[in-house]
Structure formats: C-alpha cells, structure tokens
N, C-alpha and C. Protein backbone atom coordinates (compact mmCIF):
# COMPACT_ATOMS: atom_id res chain seq x y z
N MET A 1 -31.88 -18.52 12.31
CA MET A 1 -30.52 -17.86 12.97
C MET A 1 -30.24 -16.56 11.87
N ALA A 2 -30.39 -15.52 13.24
CA ALA A 2 -29.74 -14.00 12.45
C ALA A 2 -28.17 -13.96 12.06
N THR A 3 -27.98 -13.31 11.37
CA THR A 3 -26.48 -13.13 10.97
C THR A 3 -25.47 -12.21 12.16
N LEU A 4 -24.74 -13.18 12.75
CA LEU A 4 -24.09 -12.24 13.95
C LEU A 4 -23.04 -11.17 13.47
N PHE A 5 -22.57 -11.28 12.37
CA PHE A 5 -21.17 -10.51 11.76
C PHE A 5 -21.83 -9.94 10.65
N LYS A 6 -21.77 -8.58 10.59
CA LYS A 6 -21.81 -7.58 9.10
C LYS A 6 -20.76 -8.28 8.66
N GLN A 7 -20.95 -7.95 7.14
CA GLN A 7 -20.25 -8.37 5.98
C GLN A 7 -18.95 -7.10 6.10
N LYS A 8 -17.92 -7.44 6.09
CA LYS A 8 -16.75 -6.28 6.27
C LYS A 8 -16.44 -5.70 5.08
N TYR A 9 -16.62 -6.59 3.95
CA TYR A 9 -16.05 -5.66 2.72
C TYR A 9 -17.28 -5.76 1.72
N ASP A 10 -17.22 -4.74 0.85
CA ASP A 10 -18.33 -4.54 0.06
C ASP A 10 -18.00 -4.60 -1.33
N ASP A 11 -17.44 -6.04 -1.42
CA ASP A 11 -16.65 -6.73 -2.86
C ASP A 11 -17.26 -6.04 -4.21
N GLY A 12 -18.49 -5.90 -4.46
CA GLY A 12 -19.15 -5.52 -5.56
C GLY A 12 -18.63 -3.85 -5.53
N LYS A 13 -19.08 -2.92 -4.54
CA LYS A 13 -18.27 -1.74 -4.69
C LYS A 13 -17.08 -1.56 -4.76
N LEU A 14 -16.16 -2.43 -4.00
CA LEU A 14 -14.98 -1.91 -4.56
C LEU A 14 -14.43 -2.36 -5.90
N GLY A 15 -15.08 -3.26 -6.82
CA GLY A 15 -15.03 -3.62 -7.79
C GLY A 15 -15.38 -2.70 -8.92
N GLU A 16 -16.27 -2.32 -8.55
CA GLU A 16 -16.57 -1.15 -9.19
C GLU A 16 -16.08 0.07 -9.33
N VAL A 17 -15.84 0.31 -8.22
CA VAL A 17 -15.03 1.76 -7.97
C VAL A 17 -13.55 1.73 -8.60
N VAL A 18 -12.98 0.57 -8.23
CA VAL A 18 -11.56 0.48 -8.99
C VAL A 18 -11.89 0.26 -10.32
N GLU A 19 -12.42 -0.46 -10.94
CA GLU A 19 -12.76 -0.37 -12.25
C GLU A 19 -13.04 0.82 -12.94
N LYS A 20 -13.98 1.68 -12.46
CA LYS A 20 -14.22 2.59 -13.03
C LYS A 20 -13.41 4.02 -12.88
N ALA A 21 -12.41 3.72 -11.84
CA ALA A 21 -11.23 4.32 -12.01
C ALA A 21 -9.89 4.72 -12.77
N LEU A 22 -10.04 2.97 -13.17
CA LEU A 22 -8.93 2.61 -14.21
C LEU A 22 -9.42 3.04 -15.53
N ASN A 23 -10.53 2.57 -15.80
CA ASN A 23 -11.27 3.05 -17.22
C ASN A 23 -11.19 4.74 -17.19
N ASP A 24 -11.54 5.59 -16.38
CA ASP A 24 -11.73 6.95 -16.54
C ASP A 24 -10.06 7.56 -16.54
N ASP A 25 -9.47 6.86 -16.38
CA ASP A 25 -7.92 7.59 -16.45
C ASP A 25 -7.33 7.32 -17.32
N PRO A 26 -6.87 8.43 -18.28
CA PRO A 26 -6.24 8.19 -19.53
C PRO A 26 -5.19 7.69 -19.64
N SER A 27 -4.32 7.82 -18.42
CA SER A 27 -2.88 7.59 -18.57
C SER A 27 -2.68 5.97 -18.07
N VAL A 28 -3.66 5.24 -17.75
CA VAL A 28 -3.81 3.83 -17.65
C VAL A 28 -3.83 3.27 -18.68
N TYR A 29 -3.20 2.37 -19.22
CA TYR A 29 -3.58 1.74 -20.60
C TYR A 29 -3.35 0.25 -20.26
N ILE A 30 -4.17 -0.19 -20.07
CA ILE A 30 -4.43 -1.71 -19.82
C ILE A 30 -5.45 -2.48 -20.46
N THR A 31 -4.78 -3.32 -22.14
CA THR A 31 -6.06 -4.14 -22.14
C THR A 31 -6.33 -5.30 -21.65
N GLY A 32 -7.63 -5.73 -22.17
CA GLY A 32 -8.02 -6.82 -21.54
C GLY A 32 -8.39 -6.84 -19.96
N LEU A 33 -8.40 -5.39 -19.68
CA LEU A 33 -8.71 -5.37 -17.83
C LEU A 33 -9.88 -6.16 -17.55
N VAL A 34 -9.81 -6.46 -16.20
CA VAL A 34 -10.20 -7.71 -15.74
C VAL A 34 -10.18 -7.33 -13.88
N VAL A 35 -11.25 -6.88 -13.29
CA VAL A 35 -10.86 -6.21 -11.89
C VAL A 35 -11.94 -7.03 -11.09
N VAL A 36 -11.32 -7.88 -10.28
CA VAL A 36 -12.61 -9.07 -9.31
C VAL A 36 -12.23 -8.65 -8.04
N SER A 37 -12.97 -8.62 -7.10
CA SER A 37 -13.14 -8.14 -5.51
C SER A 37 -13.75 -9.47 -4.88
N SER A 38 -12.90 -10.11 -3.92
CA SER A 38 -13.44 -11.19 -3.15
C SER A 38 -13.16 -11.13 -1.95
N LYS A 39 -14.01 -11.07 -0.65
CA LYS A 39 -13.30 -10.77 0.66
C LYS A 39 -12.41 -9.86 0.84
N GLY A 40 -12.45 -8.87 -0.08
CA GLY A 40 -11.71 -7.86 0.45
C GLY A 40 -10.28 -7.75 -0.40
N VAL A 41 -10.06 -8.44 -1.07
CA VAL A 41 -8.69 -8.78 -2.02
C VAL A 41 -9.23 -8.52 -3.27
N VAL A 42 -8.71 -7.54 -3.87
CA VAL A 42 -9.03 -6.71 -5.15
C VAL A 42 -8.11 -7.56 -6.41
N ARG A 43 -8.17 -8.00 -7.32
CA ARG A 43 -7.25 -8.46 -8.25
C ARG A 43 -7.39 -7.79 -9.39
N LEU A 44 -6.37 -7.27 -10.02
CA LEU A 44 -6.42 -6.25 -11.26
C LEU A 44 -5.73 -7.64 -12.33
N ALA A 45 -6.33 -7.71 -13.17
CA ALA A 45 -5.62 -8.22 -14.17
C ALA A 45 -5.66 -8.04 -15.89
N GLY A 46 -4.73 -7.86 -16.87
CA GLY A 46 -4.90 -7.58 -17.80
C GLY A 46 -3.34 -7.48 -18.77
N ASN A 47 -3.31 -6.62 -19.41
CA ASN A 47 -1.77 -6.45 -20.37
C ASN A 47 -1.65 -4.82 -20.30
N ALA A 48 -0.37 -4.89 -20.03
CA ALA A 48 0.23 -3.30 -19.50
C ALA A 48 1.23 -3.23 -20.70
N ARG A 49 1.20 -1.86 -21.29
CA ARG A 49 2.04 -1.66 -22.49
C ARG A 49 3.53 -1.48 -21.83
N ASP A 50 3.50 -1.01 -20.45
CA ASP A 50 5.03 -1.21 -19.99
C ASP A 50 5.05 -1.06 -18.06
N SER A 51 6.01 -0.91 -17.42
CA SER A 51 6.03 -1.39 -15.99
C SER A 51 5.26 0.18 -15.52
N LEU A 52 5.51 1.01 -16.09
CA LEU A 52 5.04 2.08 -15.39
C LEU A 52 3.57 2.46 -15.36
N SER A 53 2.92 1.87 -16.71
CA SER A 53 1.50 1.99 -16.78
C SER A 53 1.08 0.68 -15.69
N LYS A 54 1.77 -0.30 -15.68
CA LYS A 54 1.09 -1.30 -14.86
C LYS A 54 1.31 -0.72 -13.13
N ARG A 55 2.40 -0.27 -12.74
CA ARG A 55 2.70 0.45 -11.66
C ARG A 55 1.35 1.80 -11.18
N HIS A 56 1.20 2.53 -12.22
CA HIS A 56 0.22 3.61 -11.95
C HIS A 56 -1.21 2.86 -12.06
N ALA A 57 -1.51 1.82 -12.35
CA ALA A 57 -2.92 1.12 -12.41
C ALA A 57 -3.02 0.92 -11.09
N VAL A 58 -2.21 0.13 -10.29
CA VAL A 58 -2.11 -0.47 -9.12
C VAL A 58 -2.36 1.02 -8.23
N GLU A 59 -1.76 1.95 -8.09
CA GLU A 59 -1.79 3.24 -7.27
C GLU A 59 -3.14 3.81 -7.83
N THR A 60 -3.45 3.78 -8.95
CA THR A 60 -4.96 4.55 -8.99
C THR A 60 -6.02 3.96 -8.62
N ALA A 61 -5.71 2.47 -8.27
CA ALA A 61 -6.77 1.40 -7.70
C ALA A 61 -6.96 1.93 -6.16
N HIS A 62 -5.57 1.92 -5.52
CA HIS A 62 -5.32 2.08 -4.30
C HIS A 62 -5.86 3.17 -3.86
N ARG A 63 -5.73 4.40 -4.74
CA ARG A 63 -6.17 5.44 -4.37
C ARG A 63 -7.65 5.99 -4.73
N SER A 64 -8.31 5.42 -5.38
CA SER A 64 -9.79 5.07 -5.75
C SER A 64 -10.57 4.30 -4.34
N ILE A 65 -10.06 3.40 -3.93
CA ILE A 65 -10.37 2.76 -2.81
C ILE A 65 -10.53 3.67 -1.47
N GLU A 66 -9.32 4.45 -1.25
CA GLU A 66 -9.03 5.33 -0.27
C GLU A 66 -10.11 6.39 -0.40
N ARG A 67 -10.22 7.04 -1.68
CA ARG A 67 -11.27 8.17 -1.66
C ARG A 67 -12.77 7.85 -1.55
N ALA A 68 -12.92 6.40 -2.02
CA ALA A 68 -14.25 6.00 -1.53
C ALA A 68 -14.59 5.60 -0.09
N LYS A 69 -13.51 5.57 0.71
CA LYS A 69 -13.43 4.86 2.18
C LYS A 69 -14.11 3.67 2.05
N LEU A 70 -13.64 2.94 1.39
CA LEU A 70 -13.81 1.48 1.43
C LEU A 70 -12.91 0.60 2.16
N THR A 71 -13.07 -0.47 2.91
CA THR A 71 -12.25 -1.15 3.39
C THR A 71 -11.93 -2.18 2.66
N PHE A 72 -10.77 -2.88 2.93
CA PHE A 72 -10.23 -3.73 1.59
C PHE A 72 -8.96 -4.71 2.55
N GLN A 73 -8.51 -5.62 2.05
CA GLN A 73 -7.53 -6.36 2.64
C GLN A 73 -6.21 -5.57 1.62
N ARG A 74 -6.20 -6.13 0.39
CA ARG A 74 -5.35 -5.83 -0.12
C ARG A 74 -5.55 -5.81 -1.76
N ILE A 75 -4.61 -5.19 -2.70
CA ILE A 75 -4.69 -5.22 -4.11
C ILE A 75 -3.83 -6.60 -4.65
N GLU A 76 -4.09 -7.21 -5.37
CA GLU A 76 -3.38 -8.34 -6.18
C GLU A 76 -3.04 -7.85 -7.57
N ASP A 77 -1.92 -7.55 -7.92
CA ASP A 77 -1.50 -7.36 -8.96
C ASP A 77 -1.08 -8.37 -10.06
N GLU A 78 -1.99 -9.00 -10.95
CA GLU A 78 -1.71 -9.78 -11.90
C GLU A 78 -1.44 -9.40 -13.14
N ILE A 79 -1.26 -8.10 -13.27
CA ILE A 79 -1.23 -7.47 -14.75
C ILE A 79 0.07 -7.78 -15.42
N LEU A 80 0.08 -8.40 -16.76
CA LEU A 80 1.18 -8.90 -17.46
C LEU A 80 1.71 -7.76 -17.87
N LEU A 81 2.98 -7.66 -18.55
CA LEU A 81 3.65 -6.86 -19.64
C LEU A 81 3.46 -7.30 -20.63
N MET A 82 3.31 -6.33 -21.53
CA MET A 82 3.12 -6.63 -22.99
C MET A 82 4.46 -6.88 -23.84
N SER A 83 4.67 -7.67 -24.59
CA SER A 83 6.10 -7.91 -25.10
C SER A 83 6.08 -7.60 -26.64
C-alpha cells in the first residue's frame, strides 16, 4: 500500500541545522549540548552558564530553522542553568 501522506517534518535536517547553528555561534555557551527532533518538535538540552545564554540558544535555534525554511511544531527548552 502506498503512503498517502508525505512526511510533514524532516527531523534529521531540523536537528542538523539547529545543532550546526548553535555550535557555530560563539556567543552560545552550552555544555553537553544535545539537539533531538521528533515529529517536528526540536528539543534542546545541556547546561547554560546563565539565563541570557540559554535564551540566546533558543532564539538561535528558532532563527536557524526559519532561515532553512523548514517546517516544525515547536522548540522545547530543556537547557539547565549551571549553578
């Protein structure tokens, strides 16, 4: 039986684009960075040195997806602040 619905999200590409953007941005300081995408939901995990860096990482991820013109549902921020 043929697939009737085309895959809506390219999770592999989403993860690749976001991870590259975060790794290439010197102002993003996240240790143990993990980027996972499933069904259009991009999850960011790791440890940020402060809330500004955490917020910047999420914004950078969002911009990178928009620049790549990829479809996604949302970004889930699971980044922890270092104490």
